[in-house]
PDB file of N, CA and C in Angstrom:
ATOM      1  N   UNK A   1     -57.387 -28.660  15.614  1.00  0.00           N
ATOM      2  CA  UNK A   1     -56.630 -27.383  16.050  1.00  0.00           C
ATOM      3  C   UNK A   1     -56.573 -27.449  17.624  1.00  0.00           C
ATOM      4  N   UNK A   2     -55.313 -27.375  17.966  1.00  0.00           N
ATOM      5  CA  UNK A   2     -54.839 -27.413  19.509  1.00  0.00           C
ATOM      6  C   UNK A   2     -55.285 -25.662  19.993  1.00  0.00           C
ATOM      7  N   UNK A   3     -56.171 -25.507  20.817  1.00  0.00           N
ATOM      8  CA  UNK A   3     -56.451 -24.172  21.220  1.00  0.00           C
ATOM      9  C   UNK A   3     -55.761 -23.954  22.365  1.00  0.00           C
ATOM     10  N   UNK A   4     -54.950 -24.956  23.024  1.00  0.00           N
ATOM     11  CA  UNK A   4     -54.116 -24.738  24.321  1.00  0.00           C
ATOM     12  C   UNK A   4     -55.055 -24.671  25.521  1.00  0.00           C
ATOM     13  N   UNK A   5     -56.397 -24.873  25.438  1.00  0.00           N
ATOM     14  CA  UNK A   5     -57.218 -25.066  26.612  1.00  0.00           C
ATOM     15  C   UNK A   5     -57.314 -26.395  26.959  1.00  0.00           C
ATOM     16  N   UNK A   6     -57.068 -27.057  28.158  1.00  0.00           N
ATOM     17  CA  UNK A   6     -57.334 -28.151  28.602  1.00  0.00           C
ATOM     18  C   UNK A   6     -58.608 -28.663  28.785  1.00  0.00           C
ATOM     19  N   UNK A   7     -59.079 -29.976  29.186  1.00  0.00           N
ATOM     20  CA  UNK A   7     -60.300 -30.599  29.264  1.00  0.00           C
ATOM     21  C   UNK A   7     -61.200 -29.846  30.402  1.00  0.00           C
ATOM     22  N   UNK A   8     -60.573 -29.126  31.470  1.00  0.00           N
ATOM     23  CA  UNK A   8     -61.424 -28.563  32.339  1.00  0.00           C
ATOM     24  C   UNK A   8     -61.526 -27.129  31.909  1.00  0.00           C
ATOM     25  N   UNK A   9     -61.374 -26.542  30.606  1.00  0.00           N
ATOM     26  CA  UNK A   9     -61.269 -24.964  30.378  1.00  0.00           C
ATOM     27  C   UNK A   9     -60.488 -24.022  30.651  1.00  0.00           C
ATOM     28  N   UNK A  10     -59.236 -24.509  31.564  1.00  0.00           N
ATOM     29  CA  UNK A  10     -58.093 -23.578  31.812  1.00  0.00           C
ATOM     30  C   UNK A  10     -57.028 -23.820  30.770  1.00  0.00           C
ATOM     31  N   UNK A  11     -56.373 -22.641  30.477  1.00  0.00           N
ATOM     32  CA  UNK A  11     -55.467 -22.636  29.300  1.00  0.00           C
ATOM     33  C   UNK A  11     -54.179 -23.231  29.986  1.00  0.00           C
ATOM     34  N   UNK A  12     -53.437 -23.932  28.798  1.00  0.00           N
ATOM     35  CA  UNK A  12     -52.311 -24.740  29.281  1.00  0.00           C
ATOM     36  C   UNK A  12     -51.176 -23.729  29.628  1.00  0.00           C
ATOM     37  N   UNK A  13     -50.386 -24.264  30.454  1.00  0.00           N
ATOM     38  CA  UNK A  13     -48.864 -23.538  30.457  1.00  0.00           C
ATOM     39  C   UNK A  13     -47.982 -24.105  29.434  1.00  0.00           C
ATOM     40  N   UNK A  14     -47.052 -23.402  29.086  1.00  0.00           N
ATOM     41  CA  UNK A  14     -45.868 -23.838  27.929  1.00  0.00           C
ATOM     42  C   UNK A  14     -45.646 -25.561  28.546  1.00  0.00           C
ATOM     43  N   UNK A  15     -44.936 -25.271  29.827  1.00  0.00           N
ATOM     44  CA  UNK A  15     -44.829 -26.574  30.897  1.00  0.00           C
ATOM     45  C   UNK A  15     -45.593 -27.762  30.507  1.00  0.00           C
ATOM     46  N   UNK A  16     -47.165 -27.393  30.584  1.00  0.00           N
ATOM     47  CA  UNK A  16     -48.261 -28.561  30.444  1.00  0.00           C
ATOM     48  C   UNK A  16     -48.079 -29.063  28.949  1.00  0.00           C
ATOM     49  N   UNK A  17     -47.762 -27.988  28.057  1.00  0.00           N
ATOM     50  CA  UNK A  17     -47.872 -28.317  26.656  1.00  0.00           C
ATOM     51  C   UNK A  17     -46.278 -29.323  26.605  1.00  0.00           C
ATOM     52  N   UNK A  18     -45.470 -28.673  26.909  1.00  0.00           N
ATOM     53  CA  UNK A  18     -44.440 -29.681  26.752  1.00  0.00           C
ATOM     54  C   UNK A  18     -44.585 -30.928  27.421  1.00  0.00           C
ATOM     55  N   UNK A  19     -44.955 -31.137  28.489  1.00  0.00           N
ATOM     56  CA  UNK A  19     -45.294 -32.660  29.062  1.00  0.00           C
ATOM     57  C   UNK A  19     -46.145 -33.309  28.108  1.00  0.00           C
ATOM     58  N   UNK A  20     -47.391 -32.863  27.535  1.00  0.00           N
ATOM     59  CA  UNK A  20     -48.099 -33.315  26.840  1.00  0.00           C
ATOM     60  C   UNK A  20     -47.523 -33.832  25.428  1.00  0.00           C
ATOM     61  N   UNK A  21     -46.642 -33.058  24.901  1.00  0.00           N
ATOM     62  CA  UNK A  21     -46.054 -33.287  23.469  1.00  0.00           C
ATOM     63  C   UNK A  21     -44.836 -34.383  23.900  1.00  0.00           C
ATOM     64  N   UNK A  22     -44.340 -34.331  25.277  1.00  0.00           N
ATOM     65  CA  UNK A  22     -43.074 -35.531  25.326  1.00  0.00           C
ATOM     66  C   UNK A  22     -44.183 -36.756  25.838  1.00  0.00           C
ATOM     67  N   UNK A  23     -45.413 -37.028  25.961  1.00  0.00           N
ATOM     68  CA  UNK A  23     -46.202 -37.867  26.076  1.00  0.00           C
ATOM     69  C   UNK A  23     -46.509 -38.600  24.521  1.00  0.00           C
ATOM     70  N   UNK A  24     -46.936 -37.660  23.671  1.00  0.00           N
ATOM     71  CA  UNK A  24     -47.182 -38.052  22.405  1.00  0.00           C
ATOM     72  C   UNK A  24     -45.789 -38.625  21.688  1.00  0.00           C
ATOM     73  N   UNK A  25     -45.003 -37.792  22.221  1.00  0.00           N
ATOM     74  CA  UNK A  25     -43.523 -38.590  21.665  1.00  0.00           C
ATOM     75  C   UNK A  25     -43.162 -39.978  22.088  1.00  0.00           C
ATOM     76  N   UNK A  26     -43.463 -40.243  23.293  1.00  0.00           N
ATOM     77  CA  UNK A  26     -42.893 -41.457  23.866  1.00  0.00           C
ATOM     78  C   UNK A  26     -43.731 -42.527  23.279  1.00  0.00           C
ATOM     79  N   UNK A  27     -45.245 -42.191  23.291  1.00  0.00           N
ATOM     80  CA  UNK A  27     -45.939 -43.339  22.689  1.00  0.00           C
ATOM     81  C   UNK A  27     -46.145 -43.262  21.043  1.00  0.00           C
ATOM     82  N   UNK A  28     -45.075 -42.680  20.360  1.00  0.00           N
ATOM     83  CA  UNK A  28     -44.860 -42.802  18.866  1.00  0.00           C
ATOM     84  C   UNK A  28     -45.942 -41.934  17.854  1.00  0.00           C
ATOM     85  N   UNK A  29     -46.632 -41.127  18.719  1.00  0.00           N
ATOM     86  CA  UNK A  29     -47.355 -40.051  18.069  1.00  0.00           C
ATOM     87  C   UNK A  29     -46.491 -38.882  17.398  1.00  0.00           C
ATOM     88  N   UNK A  30     -45.797 -39.106  16.776  1.00  0.00           N
ATOM     89  CA  UNK A  30     -44.783 -37.933  16.344  1.00  0.00           C
ATOM     90  C   UNK A  30     -45.141 -36.951  15.735  1.00  0.00           C
ATOM     91  N   UNK A  31     -46.177 -36.852  15.040  1.00  0.00           N
ATOM     92  CA  UNK A  31     -46.663 -36.003  14.082  1.00  0.00           C
ATOM     93  C   UNK A  31     -47.744 -34.732  15.165  1.00  0.00           C
ATOM     94  N   UNK A  32     -48.277 -35.828  15.717  1.00  0.00           N
ATOM     95  CA  UNK A  32     -49.155 -34.957  16.851  1.00  0.00           C
ATOM     96  C   UNK A  32     -47.988 -34.509  18.183  1.00  0.00           C
ATOM     97  N   UNK A  33     -46.954 -34.909  18.508  1.00  0.00           N
ATOM     98  CA  UNK A  33     -46.083 -34.164  19.422  1.00  0.00           C
ATOM     99  C   UNK A  33     -45.458 -33.105  18.462  1.00  0.00           C
ATOM    100  N   UNK A  34     -45.348 -33.417  17.222  1.00  0.00           N
ATOM    101  CA  UNK A  34     -44.758 -32.235  16.728  1.00  0.00           C
ATOM    102  C   UNK A  34     -45.693 -30.596  16.535  1.00  0.00           C
ATOM    103  N   UNK A  35     -46.890 -31.042  16.383  1.00  0.00           N
ATOM    104  CA  UNK A  35     -47.899 -30.047  16.357  1.00  0.00           C
ATOM    105  C   UNK A  35     -47.922 -29.277  17.741  1.00  0.00           C
ATOM    106  N   UNK A  36     -47.648 -30.124  18.946  1.00  0.00           N
ATOM    107  CA  UNK A  36     -47.498 -29.100  19.895  1.00  0.00           C
ATOM    108  C   UNK A  36     -46.634 -28.546  20.328  1.00  0.00           C
ATOM    109  N   UNK A  37     -45.314 -29.121  19.738  1.00  0.00           N
ATOM    110  CA  UNK A  37     -43.898 -28.901  19.839  1.00  0.00           C
ATOM    111  C   UNK A  37     -43.815 -27.550  19.146  1.00  0.00           C
ATOM    112  N   UNK A  38     -44.360 -27.315  17.964  1.00  0.00           N
ATOM    113  CA  UNK A  38     -44.216 -26.201  17.233  1.00  0.00           C
ATOM    114  C   UNK A  38     -44.763 -24.861  18.021  1.00  0.00           C
ATOM    115  N   UNK A  39     -45.942 -25.402  18.875  1.00  0.00           N
ATOM    116  CA  UNK A  39     -46.225 -23.896  19.647  1.00  0.00           C
ATOM    117  C   UNK A  39     -45.283 -23.611  20.839  1.00  0.00           C
ATOM    118  N   UNK A  40     -44.812 -24.920  21.638  1.00  0.00           N
ATOM    119  CA  UNK A  40     -44.120 -24.454  22.471  1.00  0.00           C
ATOM    120  C   UNK A  40     -42.467 -23.899  22.077  1.00  0.00           C
ATOM    121  N   UNK A  41     -42.156 -24.436  20.985  1.00  0.00           N
ATOM    122  CA  UNK A  41     -40.879 -23.782  20.127  1.00  0.00           C
ATOM    123  C   UNK A  41     -41.254 -22.128  19.929  1.00  0.00           C
ATOM    124  N   UNK A  42     -42.504 -21.932  19.326  1.00  0.00           N
ATOM    125  CA  UNK A  42     -42.769 -20.490  19.350  1.00  0.00           C
ATOM    126  C   UNK A  42     -42.997 -19.511  20.592  1.00  0.00           C
ATOM    127  N   UNK A  43     -42.990 -20.323  21.615  1.00  0.00           N
ATOM    128  CA  UNK A  43     -43.187 -19.631  22.960  1.00  0.00           C
ATOM    129  C   UNK A  43     -41.950 -19.256  23.711  1.00  0.00           C
ATOM    130  N   UNK A  44     -41.032 -20.469  23.451  1.00  0.00           N
ATOM    131  CA  UNK A  44     -39.537 -20.276  24.009  1.00  0.00           C
ATOM    132  C   UNK A  44     -38.440 -20.758  23.027  1.00  0.00           C
ATOM    133  N   UNK A  45     -38.355 -19.679  21.727  1.00  0.00           N
ATOM    134  CA  UNK A  45     -37.604 -19.839  20.687  1.00  0.00           C
ATOM    135  C   UNK A  45     -36.205 -20.175  21.122  1.00  0.00           C
ATOM    136  N   UNK A  46     -35.783 -19.641  22.065  1.00  0.00           N
ATOM    137  CA  UNK A  46     -34.414 -19.875  22.565  1.00  0.00           C
ATOM    138  C   UNK A  46     -33.801 -21.256  23.259  1.00  0.00           C
ATOM    139  N   UNK A  47     -34.662 -22.040  23.489  1.00  0.00           N
ATOM    140  CA  UNK A  47     -34.744 -23.224  24.255  1.00  0.00           C
ATOM    141  C   UNK A  47     -34.216 -24.390  23.333  1.00  0.00           C
ATOM    142  N   UNK A  48     -33.348 -24.939  23.717  1.00  0.00           N
ATOM    143  CA  UNK A  48     -32.753 -26.071  22.870  1.00  0.00           C
ATOM    144  C   UNK A  48     -33.745 -27.288  23.221  1.00  0.00           C
ATOM    145  N   UNK A  49     -33.983 -27.714  24.272  1.00  0.00           N
ATOM    146  CA  UNK A  49     -34.921 -28.511  24.575  1.00  0.00           C
ATOM    147  C   UNK A  49     -36.090 -29.042  23.832  1.00  0.00           C
ATOM    148  N   UNK A  50     -37.200 -28.204  23.700  1.00  0.00           N
ATOM    149  CA  UNK A  50     -38.238 -28.306  22.917  1.00  0.00           C
ATOM    150  C   UNK A  50     -37.675 -28.206  21.403  1.00  0.00           C
ATOM    151  N   UNK A  51     -36.988 -27.630  20.865  1.00  0.00           N
ATOM    152  CA  UNK A  51     -36.326 -27.431  19.500  1.00  0.00           C
ATOM    153  C   UNK A  51     -36.193 -28.825  19.204  1.00  0.00           C
ATOM    154  N   UNK A  52     -35.126 -29.355  19.927  1.00  0.00           N
ATOM    155  CA  UNK A  52     -34.389 -30.512  19.361  1.00  0.00           C
ATOM    156  C   UNK A  52     -35.423 -31.727  19.779  1.00  0.00           C
ATOM    157  N   UNK A  53     -36.351 -31.538  20.661  1.00  0.00           N
ATOM    158  CA  UNK A  53     -37.610 -32.616  20.481  1.00  0.00           C
ATOM    159  C   UNK A  53     -38.585 -32.403  19.401  1.00  0.00           C
ATOM    160  N   UNK A  54     -38.612 -31.224  18.953  1.00  0.00           N
ATOM    161  CA  UNK A  54     -39.445 -31.025  17.407  1.00  0.00           C
ATOM    162  C   UNK A  54     -38.642 -31.559  16.477  1.00  0.00           C
ATOM    163  N   UNK A  55     -37.233 -31.253  16.489  1.00  0.00           N
ATOM    164  CA  UNK A  55     -36.718 -32.141  15.224  1.00  0.00           C
ATOM    165  C   UNK A  55     -36.801 -33.721  15.236  1.00  0.00           C
ATOM    166  N   UNK A  56     -36.551 -34.064  16.587  1.00  0.00           N
ATOM    167  CA  UNK A  56     -36.568 -35.646  16.543  1.00  0.00           C
ATOM    168  C   UNK A  56     -38.135 -36.151  16.117  1.00  0.00           C
ATOM    169  N   UNK A  57     -39.194 -35.243  16.623  1.00  0.00           N
ATOM    170  CA  UNK A  57     -40.379 -35.631  16.223  1.00  0.00           C
ATOM    171  C   UNK A  57     -40.533 -35.290  14.511  1.00  0.00           C
ATOM    172  N   UNK A  58     -40.124 -34.700  14.057  1.00  0.00           N
ATOM    173  CA  UNK A  58     -40.260 -34.476  12.669  1.00  0.00           C
ATOM    174  C   UNK A  58     -39.514 -35.215  12.017  1.00  0.00           C
ATOM    175  N   UNK A  59     -38.060 -35.635  12.315  1.00  0.00           N
ATOM    176  CA  UNK A  59     -37.213 -36.944  11.840  1.00  0.00           C
ATOM    177  C   UNK A  59     -38.438 -38.292  11.863  1.00  0.00           C
ATOM    178  N   UNK A  60     -38.871 -38.544  13.065  1.00  0.00           N
ATOM    179  CA  UNK A  60     -39.446 -39.835  13.050  1.00  0.00           C
ATOM    180  C   UNK A  60     -40.938 -39.612  12.155  1.00  0.00           C
ATOM    181  N   UNK A  61     -41.346 -38.614  11.898  1.00  0.00           N
ATOM    182  CA  UNK A  61     -42.535 -38.675  11.246  1.00  0.00           C
ATOM    183  C   UNK A  61     -42.189 -38.506   9.901  1.00  0.00           C
ATOM    184  N   UNK A  62     -40.917 -38.554   8.936  1.00  0.00           N
ATOM    185  CA  UNK A  62     -40.352 -38.279   8.007  1.00  0.00           C
ATOM    186  C   UNK A  62     -40.834 -37.070   7.587  1.00  0.00           C
ATOM    187  N   UNK A  63     -40.625 -36.033   8.300  1.00  0.00           N
ATOM    188  CA  UNK A  63     -40.443 -34.714   7.962  1.00  0.00           C
ATOM    189  C   UNK A  63     -39.215 -34.224   7.789  1.00  0.00           C
ATOM    190  N   UNK A  64     -38.478 -34.747   6.986  1.00  0.00           N
ATOM    191  CA  UNK A  64     -36.923 -34.508   6.834  1.00  0.00           C
ATOM    192  C   UNK A  64     -36.351 -32.975   6.782  1.00  0.00           C
ATOM    193  N   UNK A  65     -37.039 -32.349   5.880  1.00  0.00           N
ATOM    194  CA  UNK A  65     -36.718 -30.629   5.622  1.00  0.00           C
ATOM    195  C   UNK A  65     -36.854 -30.168   7.018  1.00  0.00           C
ATOM    196  N   UNK A  66     -38.250 -30.391   7.628  1.00  0.00           N
ATOM    197  CA  UNK A  66     -38.311 -29.627   8.930  1.00  0.00           C
ATOM    198  C   UNK A  66     -37.562 -29.844  10.133  1.00  0.00           C
ATOM    199  N   UNK A  67     -37.182 -31.309  10.024  1.00  0.00           N
ATOM    200  CA  UNK A  67     -36.227 -31.822  10.957  1.00  0.00           C
ATOM    201  C   UNK A  67     -34.908 -31.034  10.831  1.00  0.00           C
ATOM    202  N   UNK A  68     -34.131 -30.717   9.750  1.00  0.00           N
ATOM    203  CA  UNK A  68     -32.993 -30.496   9.175  1.00  0.00           C
ATOM    204  C   UNK A  68     -33.052 -28.914   9.441  1.00  0.00           C
ATOM    205  N   UNK A  69     -34.126 -28.196   9.358  1.00  0.00           N
ATOM    206  CA  UNK A  69     -34.378 -26.911   9.988  1.00  0.00           C
ATOM    207  C   UNK A  69     -34.267 -26.296  11.316  1.00  0.00           C
ATOM    208  N   UNK A  70     -35.025 -27.394  11.777  1.00  0.00           N
ATOM    209  CA  UNK A  70     -34.732 -27.594  13.306  1.00  0.00           C
ATOM    210  C   UNK A  70     -33.660 -27.360  14.170  1.00  0.00           C
ATOM    211  N   UNK A  71     -32.993 -28.620  13.389  1.00  0.00           N
ATOM    212  CA  UNK A  71     -31.577 -28.756  13.886  1.00  0.00           C
ATOM    213  C   UNK A  71     -30.651 -27.905  13.555  1.00  0.00           C
ATOM    214  N   UNK A  72     -30.724 -27.218  12.616  1.00  0.00           N
ATOM    215  CA  UNK A  72     -29.720 -26.088  12.189  1.00  0.00           C
ATOM    216  C   UNK A  72     -30.067 -24.712  13.260  1.00  0.00           C
ATOM    217  N   UNK A  73     -31.545 -24.925  13.610  1.00  0.00           N
ATOM    218  CA  UNK A  73     -31.854 -23.592  14.711  1.00  0.00           C
ATOM    219  C   UNK A  73     -31.098 -24.182  16.008  1.00  0.00           C
ATOM    220  N   UNK A  74     -31.147 -25.221  16.536  1.00  0.00           N
ATOM    221  CA  UNK A  74     -30.209 -25.616  17.417  1.00  0.00           C
ATOM    222  C   UNK A  74     -29.297 -25.293  17.452  1.00  0.00           C
ATOM    223  N   UNK A  75     -28.154 -25.804  16.294  1.00  0.00           N
ATOM    224  CA  UNK A  75     -26.869 -25.493  16.507  1.00  0.00           C
ATOM    225  C   UNK A  75     -26.655 -23.903  16.086  1.00  0.00           C
ATOM    226  N   UNK A  76     -27.385 -23.213  15.628  1.00  0.00           N
ATOM    227  CA  UNK A  76     -27.155 -21.523  15.806  1.00  0.00           C
ATOM    228  C   UNK A  76     -27.105 -21.269  17.463  1.00  0.00           C
ATOM    229  N   UNK A  77     -28.296 -21.912  18.130  1.00  0.00           N
ATOM    230  CA  UNK A  77     -28.155 -21.522  19.520  1.00  0.00           C
ATOM    231  C   UNK A  77     -27.354 -22.024  20.323  1.00  0.00           C
ATOM    232  N   UNK A  78     -26.929 -23.341  20.123  1.00  0.00           N
ATOM    233  CA  UNK A  78     -25.602 -24.146  20.718  1.00  0.00           C
ATOM    234  C   UNK A  78     -24.981 -24.881  19.503  1.00  0.00           C
ATOM    235  N   UNK A  79     -23.854 -24.307  19.290  1.00  0.00           N
ATOM    236  CA  UNK A  79     -22.931 -25.004  18.535  1.00  0.00           C
ATOM    237  C   UNK A  79     -22.359 -26.089  18.831  1.00  0.00           C
ATOM    238  N   UNK A  80     -22.405 -26.559  19.840  1.00  0.00           N
ATOM    239  CA  UNK A  80     -21.690 -27.654  20.589  1.00  0.00           C
ATOM    240  C   UNK A  80     -22.604 -28.861  20.922  1.00  0.00           C
ATOM    241  N   UNK A  81     -23.970 -28.735  20.665  1.00  0.00           N
ATOM    242  CA  UNK A  81     -24.821 -29.516  21.047  1.00  0.00           C
ATOM    243  C   UNK A  81     -24.625 -30.913  19.965  1.00  0.00           C
ATOM    244  N   UNK A  82     -23.874 -31.912  20.400  1.00  0.00           N
ATOM    245  CA  UNK A  82     -23.360 -33.243  20.033  1.00  0.00           C
ATOM    246  C   UNK A  82     -24.740 -33.973  19.394  1.00  0.00           C
ATOM    247  N   UNK A  83     -25.651 -33.899  20.309  1.00  0.00           N
ATOM    248  CA  UNK A  83     -26.736 -35.022  19.518  1.00  0.00           C
ATOM    249  C   UNK A  83     -27.302 -34.254  18.354  1.00  0.00           C
ATOM    250  N   UNK A  84     -27.326 -32.827  18.462  1.00  0.00           N
ATOM    251  CA  UNK A  84     -27.812 -32.350  17.042  1.00  0.00           C
ATOM    252  C   UNK A  84     -27.045 -32.619  16.027  1.00  0.00           C
ATOM    253  N   UNK A  85     -25.752 -32.486  16.210  1.00  0.00           N
ATOM    254  CA  UNK A  85     -24.929 -32.763  15.152  1.00  0.00           C
ATOM    255  C   UNK A  85     -25.177 -34.102  14.633  1.00  0.00           C
ATOM    256  N   UNK A  86     -25.311 -35.100  15.481  1.00  0.00           N
ATOM    257  CA  UNK A  86     -25.553 -36.383  15.071  1.00  0.00           C
ATOM    258  C   UNK A  86     -26.713 -36.601  14.438  1.00  0.00           C
ATOM    259  N   UNK A  87     -27.956 -35.851  14.939  1.00  0.00           N
ATOM    260  CA  UNK A  87     -29.247 -36.232  14.172  1.00  0.00           C
ATOM    261  C   UNK A  87     -29.373 -35.203  12.720  1.00  0.00           C
ATOM    262  N   UNK A  88     -28.411 -34.302  12.941  1.00  0.00           N
ATOM    263  CA  UNK A  88     -28.319 -33.423  11.432  1.00  0.00           C
ATOM    264  C   UNK A  88     -27.578 -34.452  10.451  1.00  0.00           C
ATOM    265  N   UNK A  89     -26.662 -34.936  11.033  1.00  0.00           N
ATOM    266  CA  UNK A  89     -25.963 -35.967   9.962  1.00  0.00           C
ATOM    267  C   UNK A  89     -26.905 -37.064   9.342  1.00  0.00           C
ATOM    268  N   UNK A  90     -27.610 -37.547  10.632  1.00  0.00           N
ATOM    269  CA  UNK A  90     -28.656 -38.899   9.980  1.00  0.00           C
ATOM    270  C   UNK A  90     -29.645 -38.098   9.071  1.00  0.00           C
ATOM    271  N   UNK A  91     -29.896 -37.028   9.338  1.00  0.00           N
ATOM    272  CA  UNK A  91     -31.425 -36.620   8.761  1.00  0.00           C
ATOM    273  C   UNK A  91     -30.922 -36.372   7.323  1.00  0.00           C
ATOM    274  N   UNK A  92     -29.577 -35.756   7.119  1.00  0.00           N
ATOM    275  CA  UNK A  92     -28.959 -35.677   5.836  1.00  0.00           C
ATOM    276  C   UNK A  92     -28.730 -36.953   4.712  1.00  0.00           C
ATOM    277  N   UNK A  93     -28.325 -37.862   5.775  1.00  0.00           N
ATOM    278  CA  UNK A  93     -28.337 -39.009   5.245  1.00  0.00           C
ATOM    279  C   UNK A  93     -29.563 -39.579   4.452  1.00  0.00           C
ATOM    280  N   UNK A  94     -30.543 -39.380   5.202  1.00  0.00           N
ATOM    281  CA  UNK A  94     -31.945 -40.017   4.834  1.00  0.00           C
ATOM    282  C   UNK A  94     -32.489 -39.411   3.723  1.00  0.00           C
ATOM    283  N   UNK A  95     -31.712 -38.026   3.612  1.00  0.00           N
ATOM    284  CA  UNK A  95     -32.330 -37.340   2.373  1.00  0.00           C
ATOM    285  C   UNK A  95     -31.197 -37.455   1.041  1.00  0.00           C
ATOM    286  N   UNK A  96     -30.430 -38.380   1.387  1.00  0.00           N
ATOM    287  CA  UNK A  96     -29.445 -38.640   0.278  1.00  0.00           C
ATOM    288  C   UNK A  96     -28.428 -37.560   0.283  1.00  0.00           C
ATOM    289  N   UNK A  97     -27.815 -36.919   1.160  1.00  0.00           N
ATOM    290  CA  UNK A  97     -27.125 -36.199   1.129  1.00  0.00           C
ATOM    291  C   UNK A  97     -25.874 -36.569   2.173  1.00  0.00           C
ATOM    292  N   UNK A  98     -25.203 -37.539   1.214  1.00  0.00           N
ATOM    293  CA  UNK A  98     -24.098 -38.180   2.319  1.00  0.00           C
ATOM    294  C   UNK A  98     -22.893 -37.397   2.595  1.00  0.00           C
ATOM    295  N   UNK A  99     -22.699 -36.515   1.415  1.00  0.00           N
ATOM    296  CA  UNK A  99     -21.264 -35.748   1.744  1.00  0.00           C
ATOM    297  C   UNK A  99     -21.572 -34.653   2.373  1.00  0.00           C
ATOM    298  N   UNK A 100     -22.792 -34.113   2.706  1.00  0.00           N
ATOM    299  CA  UNK A 100     -23.108 -33.122   3.742  1.00  0.00           C
ATOM    300  C   UNK A 100     -23.138 -33.568   5.421  1.00  0.00           C
ATOM    301  N   UNK A 101     -23.664 -34.938   5.423  1.00  0.00           N
ATOM    302  CA  UNK A 101     -23.892 -35.563   6.333  1.00  0.00           C
ATOM    303  C   UNK A 101     -22.604 -36.080   6.823  1.00  0.00           C
ATOM    304  N   UNK A 102     -21.436 -36.541   6.250  1.00  0.00           N
ATOM    305  CA  UNK A 102     -20.096 -36.786   6.669  1.00  0.00           C
ATOM    306  C   UNK A 102     -19.889 -35.571   7.583  1.00  0.00           C
ATOM    307  N   UNK A 103     -19.742 -34.473   7.312  1.00  0.00           N
ATOM    308  CA  UNK A 103     -19.516 -33.220   8.379  1.00  0.00           C
ATOM    309  C   UNK A 103     -19.949 -33.472   9.887  1.00  0.00           C
ATOM    310  N   UNK A 104     -21.357 -33.692   9.430  1.00  0.00           N
ATOM    311  CA  UNK A 104     -22.131 -33.678  10.891  1.00  0.00           C
ATOM    312  C   UNK A 104     -21.662 -34.459  11.664  1.00  0.00           C
ATOM    313  N   UNK A 105     -21.577 -35.573  11.149  1.00  0.00           N
ATOM    314  CA  UNK A 105     -21.346 -37.003  11.714  1.00  0.00           C
ATOM    315  C   UNK A 105     -19.851 -36.882  12.394  1.00  0.00           C
ATOM    316  N   UNK A 106     -19.176 -36.307  11.610  1.00  0.00           N
ATOM    317  CA  UNK A 106     -17.466 -36.128  12.127  1.00  0.00           C
ATOM    318  C   UNK A 106     -17.614 -35.505  13.132  1.00  0.00           C
ATOM    319  N   UNK A 107     -17.936 -34.474  13.180  1.00  0.00           N
ATOM    320  CA  UNK A 107     -18.207 -33.425  14.503  1.00  0.00           C
ATOM    321  C   UNK A 107     -18.866 -34.185  15.645  1.00  0.00           C
ATOM    322  N   UNK A 108     -20.043 -34.618  15.255  1.00  0.00           N
ATOM    323  CA  UNK A 108     -20.660 -35.497  16.540  1.00  0.00           C
ATOM    324  C   UNK A 108     -19.854 -36.361  17.141  1.00  0.00           C
ATOM    325  N   UNK A 109     -19.342 -37.198  16.237  1.00  0.00           N
ATOM    326  CA  UNK A 109     -18.217 -38.399  16.922  1.00  0.00           C
ATOM    327  C   UNK A 109     -16.988 -37.644  17.564  1.00  0.00           C
ATOM    328  N   UNK A 110     -16.392 -36.528  17.065  1.00  0.00           N
ATOM    329  CA  UNK A 110     -15.308 -36.046  17.760  1.00  0.00           C
ATOM    330  C   UNK A 110     -15.716 -35.484  19.140  1.00  0.00           C
ATOM    331  N   UNK A 111     -17.056 -35.170  19.054  1.00  0.00           N
ATOM    332  CA  UNK A 111     -17.326 -34.083  20.489  1.00  0.00           C
ATOM    333  C   UNK A 111     -17.775 -35.397  21.554  1.00  0.00           C
ATOM    334  N   UNK A 112     -17.944 -36.697  21.060  1.00  0.00           N
ATOM    335  CA  UNK A 112     -18.516 -37.794  21.827  1.00  0.00           C
ATOM    336  C   UNK A 112     -17.018 -38.474  22.204  1.00  0.00           C
ATOM    337  N   UNK A 113     -15.916 -38.304  21.506  1.00  0.00           N
ATOM    338  CA  UNK A 113     -15.098 -38.542  21.994  1.00  0.00           C
ATOM    339  C   UNK A 113     -14.857 -40.251  21.067  1.00  0.00           C
ATOM    340  N   UNK A 114     -15.878 -40.415  20.041  1.00  0.00           N
ATOM    341  CA  UNK A 114     -15.838 -41.669  19.475  1.00  0.00           C
ATOM    342  C   UNK A 114     -14.863 -41.647  18.226  1.00  0.00           C
ATOM    343  N   UNK A 115     -14.922 -42.566  17.433  1.00  0.00           N
ATOM    344  CA  UNK A 115     -13.895 -42.488  16.118  1.00  0.00           C
ATOM    345  C   UNK A 115     -14.472 -41.850  15.141  1.00  0.00           C
ATOM    346  N   UNK A 116     -13.675 -40.819  14.808  1.00  0.00           N
ATOM    347  CA  UNK A 116     -14.198 -39.793  13.645  1.00  0.00           C
ATOM    348  C   UNK A 116     -14.226 -40.427  12.042  1.00  0.00           C
ATOM    349  N   UNK A 117     -13.662 -41.393  12.037  1.00  0.00           N
ATOM    350  CA  UNK A 117     -13.604 -42.222  10.609  1.00  0.00           C
ATOM    351  C   UNK A 117     -14.742 -42.764   9.727  1.00  0.00           C
TER     352      UNK A 117
END
């Protein structure tokens, strides 16, 4: 369990936890990144960046329902977040929900200027 205290006994700031989570994510330790990012998201619930990275960590660690929940939260905060629409579509596809996925994927394509078919 992460206590939020670093090795010198000082409590980590939200920014430090965010940076540490990014390191875990970049090194493909997605479950550990998600664990840290959950705390960051709890501290800054209205920020899209940490929540989107949390969704990506969940996606890559096959926690697809959790990824979907976070992506829907991102889209509540920022309905035109193109990457969140793309990820939601891919997450729904991985869950075998192709019909639902198609809507998100079309929106993402339209927002990026790519083909929508």
